[in-house]
Protein backbone atom coordinates (compact mmCIF):
# COMPACT_ATOMS: atom_id res chain seq x y z
CA MET A 1 -4.89 9.05 -0.90
CA SER A 2 -3.83 7.41 -4.17
CA MET A 3 -5.03 4.12 -5.63
CA THR A 4 -1.97 2.33 -4.30
CA ASP A 5 -2.20 3.62 -0.74
CA HIS A 6 -3.21 0.74 1.49
CA THR A 7 -4.52 0.85 5.01
CA GLN A 8 -5.62 -1.76 7.51
CA ASN A 9 -7.02 -1.69 11.04
CA VAL A 10 -6.56 -4.56 13.46
CA PHE A 11 -7.86 -4.84 17.02
CA VAL A 12 -5.78 -6.72 19.59
CA ASP A 13 -6.48 -7.62 23.20
CA TYR A 14 -3.43 -5.95 24.73
CA PRO A 15 -2.93 -2.53 26.35
CA TRP A 16 -1.54 0.08 23.97
CA GLU A 17 1.79 0.33 25.85
CA LYS A 18 2.52 -3.36 25.26
CA VAL A 19 1.46 -3.09 21.61
CA PHE A 20 3.63 0.00 21.13
CA ASP A 21 6.68 -1.81 22.54
CA ALA A 22 5.96 -4.76 20.24
CA ALA A 23 5.52 -2.47 17.20
CA GLU A 24 8.76 -0.63 17.94
CA LYS A 25 10.63 -3.93 18.25
CA ALA A 26 8.91 -5.36 15.15
CA VAL A 27 9.86 -2.51 12.80
CA SER A 28 13.47 -2.61 13.96
CA GLN A 29 13.66 -6.34 13.14
CA ILE A 30 12.23 -6.22 9.62
CA SER A 31 14.83 -7.32 7.10
CA GLU A 32 12.62 -7.86 4.04
CA VAL A 33 12.52 -4.15 3.19
CA LYS A 34 15.25 -1.51 3.24
CA ILE A 35 14.29 0.94 5.98
CA GLU A 36 15.88 4.35 5.55
CA SER A 37 14.46 5.98 8.66
CA ILE A 38 12.24 5.31 11.65
CA ASN A 39 10.54 8.03 13.70
CA VAL A 40 9.04 6.85 16.99
CA ASN A 41 6.65 9.12 18.90
CA ARG A 42 5.23 7.48 22.01
CA ILE A 43 3.24 10.60 22.97
CA ILE A 44 1.05 10.43 19.86
CA LYS A 45 1.36 6.60 19.73
CA SER A 46 2.82 6.56 16.22
CA ILE A 47 5.78 5.03 14.38
CA SER A 48 6.70 6.31 10.91
CA LEU A 49 9.04 4.58 8.50
CA LYS A 50 10.52 5.48 5.15
CA THR A 51 11.67 2.62 2.96
CA GLY A 52 14.19 2.64 0.16
CA LYS A 53 13.79 1.80 -3.48
CA ALA A 54 12.34 -1.64 -4.13
CA THR A 55 14.80 -4.37 -5.02
CA TYR A 56 12.69 -5.22 -8.04
CA PRO A 57 13.33 -2.22 -10.31
CA GLY A 58 10.70 0.01 -11.77
CA LEU A 59 7.94 -0.46 -9.23
CA THR A 60 8.48 2.12 -6.49
CA THR A 61 11.01 4.55 -5.14
CA GLY A 62 10.06 3.52 -1.63
CA GLU A 63 7.15 3.91 0.71
CA ASN A 64 6.02 5.95 3.69
CA ILE A 65 4.58 3.65 6.34
CA THR A 66 2.78 4.76 9.48
CA VAL A 67 1.76 2.57 12.39
CA SER A 68 -0.69 4.33 14.73
CA LEU A 69 -2.20 2.98 17.92
CA GLU A 70 -5.48 3.90 19.54
CA PRO A 71 -6.42 2.64 23.00
CA ILE A 72 -9.99 1.31 22.84
CA SER A 73 -10.51 -0.01 26.36
CA GLY A 74 -8.35 -1.22 29.23
CA ASN A 75 -6.87 -4.13 27.33
CA GLN A 76 -7.82 -3.49 23.71
CA THR A 77 -5.88 -1.49 21.14
CA LYS A 78 -6.59 -0.55 17.54
CA ILE A 79 -3.54 -0.84 15.27
CA HIS A 80 -3.81 1.28 12.12
CA VAL A 81 -1.18 0.72 9.41
CA LEU A 82 -0.89 2.90 6.29
CA SER A 83 1.59 2.26 3.47
CA ALA A 84 1.83 4.70 0.56
CA PRO A 85 4.34 5.45 -2.22
CA LYS A 86 6.91 8.17 -1.42
CA SER A 87 6.57 9.65 -4.88
CA GLY A 88 3.39 10.72 -6.64
CA THR A 89 4.68 9.11 -9.83
CA ASP A 90 4.50 5.72 -8.10
CA SER A 91 0.80 6.14 -7.39
CA ARG A 92 -0.49 4.22 -10.41
CA VAL A 93 1.07 0.80 -9.76
CA ASP A 94 2.89 -0.68 -6.81
CA GLY A 95 2.95 -4.38 -7.66
CA GLY A 96 1.27 -5.12 -4.32
CA LYS A 97 4.19 -3.63 -2.37
CA ASN A 98 2.06 -1.51 -0.02
CA ARG A 99 -0.21 -4.44 0.88
CA GLU A 100 2.92 -6.55 1.40
CA ASN A 101 4.37 -3.90 3.75
CA ILE A 102 1.21 -3.89 5.88
CA ASN A 103 1.08 -7.68 6.10
CA LEU A 104 4.77 -7.84 7.01
CA ILE A 105 4.45 -5.25 9.79
CA LEU A 106 1.31 -6.80 11.28
CA ASP A 107 2.91 -10.27 11.19
CA GLU A 108 6.01 -8.97 12.98
CA ILE A 109 3.95 -7.16 15.61
CA SER A 110 1.97 -10.33 16.19
CA LYS A 111 5.18 -12.34 16.68
CA CYS A 112 6.46 -9.78 19.18
CA LEU A 113 3.21 -9.98 21.16
CA GLU A 114 3.36 -13.78 21.48
């Protein structure tokens, strides 16, 4: 994990199936970043995204973002979000882009759960 990799865990009081549906909807609605690909795997409760080059030049060539879910109890789910640069050369500075990605995804998931 490089210095610019960011990760965050959030616990929500919803069953994992509902959270997964919300996460899948949330990532498909995000317009603030250029998403190149989305890989959804309900069996392992994971959604992976690859983003394109940042609109502000020179910072990153894009990020790999993973949203993983872990059922905790009947109605509680742990959401784990990881955002990391696609390229090792981007690992020194990201201008806060990875933290921004995590906040954006968690905000969108929250909206979809309301």
